């Protein structure tokens, strides 16, 4: 700082000071004054970008040469001021508010949302099952636990099972597999020979049971359907003979 003076007639000497000091709201600030780097929010007074802007710029700068080439001097000064004084007006981040804790919450809520969807589907399925039990005369509307394909498989498996004597009907194409013996409470069995009678089965009984399960007429079977039934009967015959049953049919009729 230097003083420059001049004199005028009939007046006292006037002195002007040439300085680089700047007038601010808090007072005069000169080059040698470091009060501009205080802990106040200087970017609001100077209308500078927020500290996050300078941190982003700082991350892209590696060398001093790159700083001078890419940034203005005002931006460089802002980066330095943020580096030196940002800790004075910012609070440290709480460790429980990080992304890891939030990711756990997202996983928990996502799992609960999936469970709610499964619960809703299960309740809808149970209501359909209750309606199906009440209205069993409409099997086409059977719910998911009792689909029609499983019903068909159950019917086929039931048709290929050993025939029961009490379920047989007297018809030209069916024979009783086991004769029933009449019993009275507190009385002895009337005929011991009927109890020792062999367990028998026949191809006619098997065909009749298969047609009855599938709702077909044994008299009007096609050649392909009869061949399919006979192929299944071959496997059925082998299993029955292993269990001690006897085939009383000499050949298929």
C-alpha atoms as a PDB file:
ATOM      1  CA  UNK A   1       0.000   0.000   0.000  1.00  0.00           C
ATOM      2  CA  UNK A   2       1.378   3.373  -0.954  1.00  0.00           C
ATOM      3  CA  UNK A   3       0.124   6.930  -0.599  1.00  0.00           C
ATOM      4  CA  UNK A   4      -0.160   9.312  -3.483  1.00  0.00           C
ATOM      5  CA  UNK A   5      -0.587  12.974  -2.604  1.00  0.00           C
ATOM      6  CA  UNK A   6      -1.318  16.159  -4.484  1.00  0.00           C
ATOM      7  CA  UNK A   7      -1.747  19.787  -3.445  1.00  0.00           C
ATOM      8  CA  UNK A   8      -4.289  22.299  -4.590  1.00  0.00           C
ATOM      9  CA  UNK A   9      -4.285  26.006  -3.911  1.00  0.00           C
ATOM     10  CA  UNK A  10      -6.277  27.253  -0.928  1.00  0.00           C
ATOM     11  CA  UNK A  11      -6.889  23.674   0.226  1.00  0.00           C
ATOM     12  CA  UNK A  12      -5.228  21.184   2.449  1.00  0.00           C
ATOM     13  CA  UNK A  13      -3.348  18.310   0.894  1.00  0.00           C
ATOM     14  CA  UNK A  14      -5.645  15.349  -0.081  1.00  0.00           C
ATOM     15  CA  UNK A  15      -4.270  11.879   0.148  1.00  0.00           C
ATOM     16  CA  UNK A  16      -5.684   8.914  -1.848  1.00  0.00           C
ATOM     17  CA  UNK A  17      -4.783   5.382  -0.895  1.00  0.00           C
ATOM     18  CA  UNK A  18      -4.361   2.767  -3.634  1.00  0.00           C
ATOM     19  CA  UNK A  19      -5.298  -0.592  -2.137  1.00  0.00           C
ATOM     20  CA  UNK A  20      -6.761  -3.905  -3.073  1.00  0.00           C
ATOM     21  CA  UNK A  21      -9.005  -4.035  -0.018  1.00  0.00           C
ATOM     22  CA  UNK A  22     -12.665  -4.972  -0.562  1.00  0.00           C
ATOM     23  CA  UNK A  23     -15.629  -3.716   1.392  1.00  0.00           C
ATOM     24  CA  UNK A  24     -17.942  -6.506   2.579  1.00  0.00           C
ATOM     25  CA  UNK A  25     -20.844  -6.760   4.990  1.00  0.00           C
ATOM     26  CA  UNK A  26     -18.470  -7.629   7.815  1.00  0.00           C
ATOM     27  CA  UNK A  27     -15.903  -4.914   7.096  1.00  0.00           C
ATOM     28  CA  UNK A  28     -12.796  -4.327   5.034  1.00  0.00           C
ATOM     29  CA  UNK A  29     -10.946  -7.406   3.798  1.00  0.00           C
ATOM     30  CA  UNK A  30      -7.525  -7.082   2.255  1.00  0.00           C
ATOM     31  CA  UNK A  31      -5.101  -9.422   0.513  1.00  0.00           C
ATOM     32  CA  UNK A  32      -3.286 -10.132   3.738  1.00  0.00           C
ATOM     33  CA  UNK A  33      -6.503 -10.699   5.670  1.00  0.00           C
ATOM     34  CA  UNK A  34      -7.507 -14.346   5.999  1.00  0.00           C
ATOM     35  CA  UNK A  35     -10.935 -13.663   7.482  1.00  0.00           C
ATOM     36  CA  UNK A  36     -12.653 -14.537   4.177  1.00  0.00           C
ATOM     37  CA  UNK A  37     -11.773 -18.181   4.853  1.00  0.00           C
ATOM     38  CA  UNK A  38     -13.859 -18.305   7.987  1.00  0.00           C
ATOM     39  CA  UNK A  39     -16.342 -20.947   9.001  1.00  0.00           C
ATOM     40  CA  UNK A  40     -19.268 -19.032   7.518  1.00  0.00           C
ATOM     41  CA  UNK A  41     -21.133 -20.237   4.468  1.00  0.00           C
ATOM     42  CA  UNK A  42     -19.111 -18.212   2.045  1.00  0.00           C
ATOM     43  CA  UNK A  43     -20.858 -19.565  -1.071  1.00  0.00           C
ATOM     44  CA  UNK A  44     -24.076 -17.808  -0.052  1.00  0.00           C
ATOM     45  CA  UNK A  45     -22.332 -14.455   0.254  1.00  0.00           C
ATOM     46  CA  UNK A  46     -20.269 -14.772  -2.923  1.00  0.00           C
ATOM     47  CA  UNK A  47     -23.026 -16.651  -4.811  1.00  0.00           C
ATOM     48  CA  UNK A  48     -20.732 -19.596  -5.439  1.00  0.00           C
ATOM     49  CA  UNK A  49     -21.792 -23.195  -6.195  1.00  0.00           C
ATOM     50  CA  UNK A  50     -22.328 -25.515  -3.225  1.00  0.00           C
ATOM     51  CA  UNK A  51     -19.414 -27.508  -1.807  1.00  0.00           C
ATOM     52  CA  UNK A  52     -20.585 -30.659  -3.602  1.00  0.00           C
ATOM     53  CA  UNK A  53     -19.724 -28.988  -6.891  1.00  0.00           C
ATOM     54  CA  UNK A  54     -16.135 -28.451  -5.841  1.00  0.00           C
ATOM     55  CA  UNK A  55     -15.810 -31.960  -4.470  1.00  0.00           C
ATOM     56  CA  UNK A  56     -16.912 -33.320  -7.841  1.00  0.00           C
ATOM     57  CA  UNK A  57     -14.394 -31.129  -9.618  1.00  0.00           C
ATOM     58  CA  UNK A  58     -11.711 -32.166  -7.174  1.00  0.00           C
ATOM     59  CA  UNK A  59     -12.295 -35.833  -7.941  1.00  0.00           C
ATOM     60  CA  UNK A  60     -11.546 -35.199 -11.619  1.00  0.00           C
ATOM     61  CA  UNK A  61      -8.251 -33.418 -10.988  1.00  0.00           C
ATOM     62  CA  UNK A  62      -5.033 -35.312 -10.484  1.00  0.00           C
ATOM     63  CA  UNK A  63      -2.244 -32.859 -11.159  1.00  0.00           C
ATOM     64  CA  UNK A  64      -1.688 -29.172 -10.674  1.00  0.00           C
ATOM     65  CA  UNK A  65      -1.247 -28.702 -14.402  1.00  0.00           C
ATOM     66  CA  UNK A  66      -4.663 -30.188 -15.060  1.00  0.00           C
ATOM     67  CA  UNK A  67      -6.205 -27.870 -12.484  1.00  0.00           C
ATOM     68  CA  UNK A  68      -4.899 -24.764 -14.195  1.00  0.00           C
ATOM     69  CA  UNK A  69      -5.838 -25.973 -17.649  1.00  0.00           C
ATOM     70  CA  UNK A  70      -9.424 -27.033 -16.946  1.00  0.00           C
ATOM     71  CA  UNK A  71     -10.652 -24.742 -14.188  1.00  0.00           C
ATOM     72  CA  UNK A  72     -10.872 -21.064 -13.532  1.00  0.00           C
ATOM     73  CA  UNK A  73      -8.931 -19.535 -10.699  1.00  0.00           C
ATOM     74  CA  UNK A  74     -12.166 -18.836  -8.859  1.00  0.00           C
ATOM     75  CA  UNK A  75     -13.091 -22.522  -9.000  1.00  0.00           C
ATOM     76  CA  UNK A  76      -9.647 -23.555  -7.795  1.00  0.00           C
ATOM     77  CA  UNK A  77      -9.957 -21.190  -4.855  1.00  0.00           C
ATOM     78  CA  UNK A  78     -13.363 -22.633  -4.079  1.00  0.00           C
ATOM     79  CA  UNK A  79     -11.960 -26.167  -4.068  1.00  0.00           C
ATOM     80  CA  UNK A  80      -9.232 -25.144  -1.665  1.00  0.00           C
ATOM     81  CA  UNK A  81     -11.666 -23.398   0.648  1.00  0.00           C
ATOM     82  CA  UNK A  82     -13.970 -26.406   0.718  1.00  0.00           C
ATOM     83  CA  UNK A  83     -11.028 -28.683   1.472  1.00  0.00           C
ATOM     84  CA  UNK A  84      -9.923 -26.514   4.386  1.00  0.00           C
ATOM     85  CA  UNK A  85     -13.228 -25.456   5.913  1.00  0.00           C
ATOM     86  CA  UNK A  86     -15.979 -27.866   4.861  1.00  0.00           C
ATOM     87  CA  UNK A  87     -15.687 -29.801   8.115  1.00  0.00           C
ATOM     88  CA  UNK A  88     -16.637 -26.665  10.043  1.00  0.00           C
ATOM     89  CA  UNK A  89     -20.184 -26.384   8.697  1.00  0.00           C
ATOM     90  CA  UNK A  90     -21.138 -29.952   7.745  1.00  0.00           C
ATOM     91  CA  UNK A  91     -22.240 -32.769  10.030  1.00  0.00           C
ATOM     92  CA  UNK A  92     -20.746 -36.249   9.689  1.00  0.00           C
ATOM     93  CA  UNK A  93     -23.025 -38.828   8.087  1.00  0.00           C
ATOM     94  CA  UNK A  94     -24.647 -41.217  10.505  1.00  0.00           C
ATOM     95  CA  UNK A  95     -23.429 -44.793   9.920  1.00  0.00           C
ATOM     96  CA  UNK A  96     -26.982 -46.181  10.154  1.00  0.00           C
ATOM     97  CA  UNK A  97     -28.179 -43.972   7.311  1.00  0.00           C
ATOM     98  CA  UNK A  98     -25.900 -45.489   4.720  1.00  0.00           C
ATOM     99  CA  UNK A  99     -26.976 -47.471   1.668  1.00  0.00           C
ATOM    100  CA  UNK A 100     -26.211 -50.813   3.299  1.00  0.00           C
ATOM    101  CA  UNK A 101     -28.845 -50.316   5.991  1.00  0.00           C
ATOM    102  CA  UNK A 102     -31.357 -49.109   3.413  1.00  0.00           C
ATOM    103  CA  UNK A 103     -30.668 -52.128   1.217  1.00  0.00           C
ATOM    104  CA  UNK A 104     -31.595 -54.410   4.132  1.00  0.00           C
ATOM    105  CA  UNK A 105     -34.911 -52.594   4.489  1.00  0.00           C
ATOM    106  CA  UNK A 106     -35.579 -52.989   0.771  1.00  0.00           C
ATOM    107  CA  UNK A 107     -34.913 -56.720   1.026  1.00  0.00           C
ATOM    108  CA  UNK A 108     -37.209 -57.102   4.045  1.00  0.00           C
ATOM    109  CA  UNK A 109     -40.072 -55.145   2.511  1.00  0.00           C
ATOM    110  CA  UNK A 110     -39.662 -56.994  -0.775  1.00  0.00           C
ATOM    111  CA  UNK A 111     -39.938 -60.319   1.028  1.00  0.00           C
ATOM    112  CA  UNK A 112     -43.056 -59.172   2.868  1.00  0.00           C
ATOM    113  CA  UNK A 113     -44.614 -58.026  -0.384  1.00  0.00           C
ATOM    114  CA  UNK A 114     -43.968 -61.417  -1.955  1.00  0.00           C
ATOM    115  CA  UNK A 115     -45.495 -63.162   1.058  1.00  0.00           C
ATOM    116  CA  UNK A 116     -48.594 -60.994   0.739  1.00  0.00           C
ATOM    117  CA  UNK A 117     -49.017 -62.036  -2.891  1.00  0.00           C
ATOM    118  CA  UNK A 118     -48.637 -65.706  -1.997  1.00  0.00           C
ATOM    119  CA  UNK A 119     -51.122 -65.311   0.857  1.00  0.00           C
ATOM    120  CA  UNK A 120     -53.652 -63.629  -1.433  1.00  0.00           C
ATOM    121  CA  UNK A 121     -53.337 -66.397  -4.032  1.00  0.00           C
ATOM    122  CA  UNK A 122     -53.670 -69.067  -1.348  1.00  0.00           C
ATOM    123  CA  UNK A 123     -56.826 -67.474   0.108  1.00  0.00           C
ATOM    124  CA  UNK A 124     -58.352 -67.257  -3.372  1.00  0.00           C
ATOM    125  CA  UNK A 125     -57.498 -70.912  -3.944  1.00  0.00           C
ATOM    126  CA  UNK A 126     -59.104 -71.919  -0.639  1.00  0.00           C
ATOM    127  CA  UNK A 127     -62.304 -70.043  -1.486  1.00  0.00           C
ATOM    128  CA  UNK A 128     -62.480 -71.821  -4.849  1.00  0.00           C
ATOM    129  CA  UNK A 129     -62.006 -75.153  -3.105  1.00  0.00           C
ATOM    130  CA  UNK A 130     -64.859 -74.421  -0.678  1.00  0.00           C
ATOM    131  CA  UNK A 131     -67.145 -73.521  -3.568  1.00  0.00           C
ATOM    132  CA  UNK A 132     -66.165 -76.697  -5.394  1.00  0.00           C
ATOM    133  CA  UNK A 133     -66.946 -78.833  -2.322  1.00  0.00           C
ATOM    134  CA  UNK A 134     -70.367 -77.232  -2.020  1.00  0.00           C
ATOM    135  CA  UNK A 135     -71.109 -77.663  -5.739  1.00  0.00           C
ATOM    136  CA  UNK A 136     -69.555 -80.992  -6.658  1.00  0.00           C
ATOM    137  CA  UNK A 137     -72.010 -81.421  -9.502  1.00  0.00           C
ATOM    138  CA  UNK A 138     -69.815 -79.157 -11.656  1.00  0.00           C
ATOM    139  CA  UNK A 139     -66.368 -80.803 -11.829  1.00  0.00           C
ATOM    140  CA  UNK A 140     -65.309 -78.534 -14.697  1.00  0.00           C
ATOM    141  CA  UNK A 141     -64.891 -75.706 -12.200  1.00  0.00           C
ATOM    142  CA  UNK A 142     -62.608 -77.680  -9.926  1.00  0.00           C
ATOM    143  CA  UNK A 143     -59.950 -75.546  -8.200  1.00  0.00           C
ATOM    144  CA  UNK A 144     -56.221 -75.910  -8.511  1.00  0.00           C
ATOM    145  CA  UNK A 145     -55.768 -78.654  -5.854  1.00  0.00           C
ATOM    146  CA  UNK A 146     -58.098 -80.907  -7.871  1.00  0.00           C
ATOM    147  CA  UNK A 147     -57.365 -80.317 -11.577  1.00  0.00           C
ATOM    148  CA  UNK A 148     -59.053 -82.413 -14.193  1.00  0.00           C
ATOM    149  CA  UNK A 149     -55.840 -84.038 -15.389  1.00  0.00           C
ATOM    150  CA  UNK A 150     -55.162 -85.445 -11.918  1.00  0.00           C
ATOM    151  CA  UNK A 151     -58.728 -86.730 -11.760  1.00  0.00           C
ATOM    152  CA  UNK A 152     -58.250 -88.569 -15.048  1.00  0.00           C
ATOM    153  CA  UNK A 153     -55.010 -90.117 -13.819  1.00  0.00           C
ATOM    154  CA  UNK A 154     -56.728 -91.219 -10.621  1.00  0.00           C
ATOM    155  CA  UNK A 155     -59.544 -92.830 -12.588  1.00  0.00           C
ATOM    156  CA  UNK A 156     -57.104 -94.739 -14.776  1.00  0.00           C
ATOM    157  CA  UNK A 157     -55.147 -95.933 -11.754  1.00  0.00           C
ATOM    158  CA  UNK A 158     -58.348 -96.967 -10.013  1.00  0.00           C
ATOM    159  CA  UNK A 159     -59.509 -98.857 -13.096  1.00  0.00           C
ATOM    160  CA  UNK A 160     -56.247-100.801 -13.271  1.00  0.00           C
ATOM    161  CA  UNK A 161     -56.433-101.792  -9.575  1.00  0.00           C
ATOM    162  CA  UNK A 162     -57.648-105.262  -8.485  1.00  0.00           C
ATOM    163  CA  UNK A 163     -61.455-105.405  -8.736  1.00  0.00           C
ATOM    164  CA  UNK A 164     -63.470-105.589  -5.545  1.00  0.00           C
ATOM    165  CA  UNK A 165     -66.246-108.125  -5.178  1.00  0.00           C
ATOM    166  CA  UNK A 166     -68.741-105.660  -3.708  1.00  0.00           C
ATOM    167  CA  UNK A 167     -68.256-103.270  -6.641  1.00  0.00           C
ATOM    168  CA  UNK A 168     -68.898-105.803  -9.408  1.00  0.00           C
ATOM    169  CA  UNK A 169     -72.157-105.733 -11.339  1.00  0.00           C
ATOM    170  CA  UNK A 170     -73.857-108.637 -13.029  1.00  0.00           C
ATOM    171  CA  UNK A 171     -73.619-108.147 -16.784  1.00  0.00           C
ATOM    172  CA  UNK A 172     -72.728-110.261 -19.818  1.00  0.00           C
ATOM    173  CA  UNK A 173     -69.237-108.695 -19.841  1.00  0.00           C
ATOM    174  CA  UNK A 174     -68.388-108.848 -16.145  1.00  0.00           C
ATOM    175  CA  UNK A 175     -67.662-111.654 -13.761  1.00  0.00           C
ATOM    176  CA  UNK A 176     -67.479-111.551 -10.016  1.00  0.00           C
ATOM    177  CA  UNK A 177     -63.874-111.744  -8.951  1.00  0.00           C
ATOM    178  CA  UNK A 178     -64.625-113.022  -5.453  1.00  0.00           C
ATOM    179  CA  UNK A 179     -67.948-114.480  -4.324  1.00  0.00           C
ATOM    180  CA  UNK A 180     -69.354-112.834  -1.248  1.00  0.00           C
ATOM    181  CA  UNK A 181     -70.270-115.055   1.671  1.00  0.00           C
ATOM    182  CA  UNK A 182     -73.215-114.156   3.824  1.00  0.00           C
ATOM    183  CA  UNK A 183     -72.394-113.687   7.469  1.00  0.00           C
ATOM    184  CA  UNK A 184     -74.557-113.308  10.538  1.00  0.00           C
ATOM    185  CA  UNK A 185     -73.472-111.750  13.801  1.00  0.00           C
ATOM    186  CA  UNK A 186     -72.492-114.417  16.329  1.00  0.00           C
ATOM    187  CA  UNK A 187     -72.814-117.274  13.783  1.00  0.00           C
ATOM    188  CA  UNK A 188     -70.201-119.450  12.094  1.00  0.00           C
ATOM    189  CA  UNK A 189     -69.375-119.217   8.426  1.00  0.00           C
ATOM    190  CA  UNK A 190     -71.731-121.264   6.283  1.00  0.00           C
ATOM    191  CA  UNK A 191     -69.299-122.609   3.732  1.00  0.00           C
ATOM    192  CA  UNK A 192     -65.559-123.018   4.220  1.00  0.00           C
ATOM    193  CA  UNK A 193     -65.000-123.865   0.556  1.00  0.00           C
ATOM    194  CA  UNK A 194     -66.125-120.422  -0.590  1.00  0.00           C
ATOM    195  CA  UNK A 195     -63.587-118.794   1.729  1.00  0.00           C
ATOM    196  CA  UNK A 196     -60.776-120.861   0.260  1.00  0.00           C
ATOM    197  CA  UNK A 197     -61.767-120.060  -3.319  1.00  0.00           C
ATOM    198  CA  UNK A 198     -59.014-118.670  -5.514  1.00  0.00           C
ATOM    199  CA  UNK A 199     -58.800-114.987  -6.362  1.00  0.00           C
ATOM    200  CA  UNK A 200     -59.534-114.689 -10.041  1.00  0.00           C
ATOM    201  CA  UNK A 201     -59.775-112.005 -12.699  1.00  0.00           C
ATOM    202  CA  UNK A 202     -60.522-111.912 -16.398  1.00  0.00           C
ATOM    203  CA  UNK A 203     -59.976-109.730 -19.399  1.00  0.00           C
ATOM    204  CA  UNK A 204     -63.709-109.129 -19.758  1.00  0.00           C
ATOM    205  CA  UNK A 205     -63.871-107.684 -16.249  1.00  0.00           C
ATOM    206  CA  UNK A 206     -60.887-105.471 -16.957  1.00  0.00           C
ATOM    207  CA  UNK A 207     -62.372-104.155 -20.207  1.00  0.00           C
ATOM    208  CA  UNK A 208     -65.693-103.488 -18.504  1.00  0.00           C
ATOM    209  CA  UNK A 209     -64.021-101.534 -15.701  1.00  0.00           C
ATOM    210  CA  UNK A 210     -61.941 -99.454 -18.109  1.00  0.00           C
ATOM    211  CA  UNK A 211     -64.972 -98.590 -20.248  1.00  0.00           C
ATOM    212  CA  UNK A 212     -66.987 -97.678 -17.183  1.00  0.00           C
ATOM    213  CA  UNK A 213     -64.247 -95.382 -15.871  1.00  0.00           C
ATOM    214  CA  UNK A 214     -63.885 -93.569 -19.201  1.00  0.00           C
ATOM    215  CA  UNK A 215     -67.594 -93.532 -20.035  1.00  0.00           C
ATOM    216  CA  UNK A 216     -67.304 -95.789 -23.103  1.00  0.00           C
ATOM    217  CA  UNK A 217     -69.516 -98.521 -24.459  1.00  0.00           C
ATOM    218  CA  UNK A 218     -67.751-101.918 -24.526  1.00  0.00           C
ATOM    219  CA  UNK A 219     -69.808-102.971 -27.560  1.00  0.00           C
ATOM    220  CA  UNK A 220     -68.653-100.024 -29.706  1.00  0.00           C
ATOM    221  CA  UNK A 221     -64.937 -99.839 -28.986  1.00  0.00           C
ATOM    222  CA  UNK A 222     -62.668 -98.928 -31.855  1.00  0.00           C
ATOM    223  CA  UNK A 223     -59.752-101.131 -32.822  1.00  0.00           C
ATOM    224  CA  UNK A 224     -57.180 -98.603 -31.598  1.00  0.00           C
ATOM    225  CA  UNK A 225     -58.911 -98.179 -28.241  1.00  0.00           C
ATOM    226  CA  UNK A 226     -59.254-101.934 -27.756  1.00  0.00           C
ATOM    227  CA  UNK A 227     -55.570-102.389 -28.596  1.00  0.00           C
ATOM    228  CA  UNK A 228     -54.665 -99.709 -26.039  1.00  0.00           C
ATOM    229  CA  UNK A 229     -56.750-101.433 -23.353  1.00  0.00           C
ATOM    230  CA  UNK A 230     -55.221-104.827 -24.143  1.00  0.00           C
ATOM    231  CA  UNK A 231     -51.712-103.376 -23.896  1.00  0.00           C
ATOM    232  CA  UNK A 232     -52.539-102.031 -20.438  1.00  0.00           C
ATOM    233  CA  UNK A 233     -54.114-105.366 -19.527  1.00  0.00           C
ATOM    234  CA  UNK A 234     -50.834-107.162 -20.251  1.00  0.00           C
ATOM    235  CA  UNK A 235     -49.081-105.124 -17.567  1.00  0.00           C
ATOM    236  CA  UNK A 236     -52.070-105.490 -15.249  1.00  0.00           C
ATOM    237  CA  UNK A 237     -52.096-109.267 -15.685  1.00  0.00           C
ATOM    238  CA  UNK A 238     -48.427-109.582 -14.782  1.00  0.00           C
ATOM    239  CA  UNK A 239     -48.867-107.590 -11.583  1.00  0.00           C
ATOM    240  CA  UNK A 240     -51.964-109.541 -10.548  1.00  0.00           C
ATOM    241  CA  UNK A 241     -50.266-112.894 -11.069  1.00  0.00           C
ATOM    242  CA  UNK A 242     -47.367-111.755  -8.891  1.00  0.00           C
ATOM    243  CA  UNK A 243     -49.878-111.022  -6.125  1.00  0.00           C
ATOM    244  CA  UNK A 244     -51.397-114.516  -6.319  1.00  0.00           C
ATOM    245  CA  UNK A 245     -54.396-113.831  -8.534  1.00  0.00           C
ATOM    246  CA  UNK A 246     -55.387-116.210 -11.326  1.00  0.00           C
ATOM    247  CA  UNK A 247     -56.466-115.317 -14.839  1.00  0.00           C
ATOM    248  CA  UNK A 248     -59.557-117.364 -15.703  1.00  0.00           C
ATOM    249  CA  UNK A 249     -59.775-116.093 -19.275  1.00  0.00           C
ATOM    250  CA  UNK A 250     -58.042-118.233 -21.842  1.00  0.00           C
ATOM    251  CA  UNK A 251     -57.901-115.548 -24.517  1.00  0.00           C
ATOM    252  CA  UNK A 252     -59.345-112.113 -25.161  1.00  0.00           C
ATOM    253  CA  UNK A 253     -62.785-112.085 -26.686  1.00  0.00           C
END
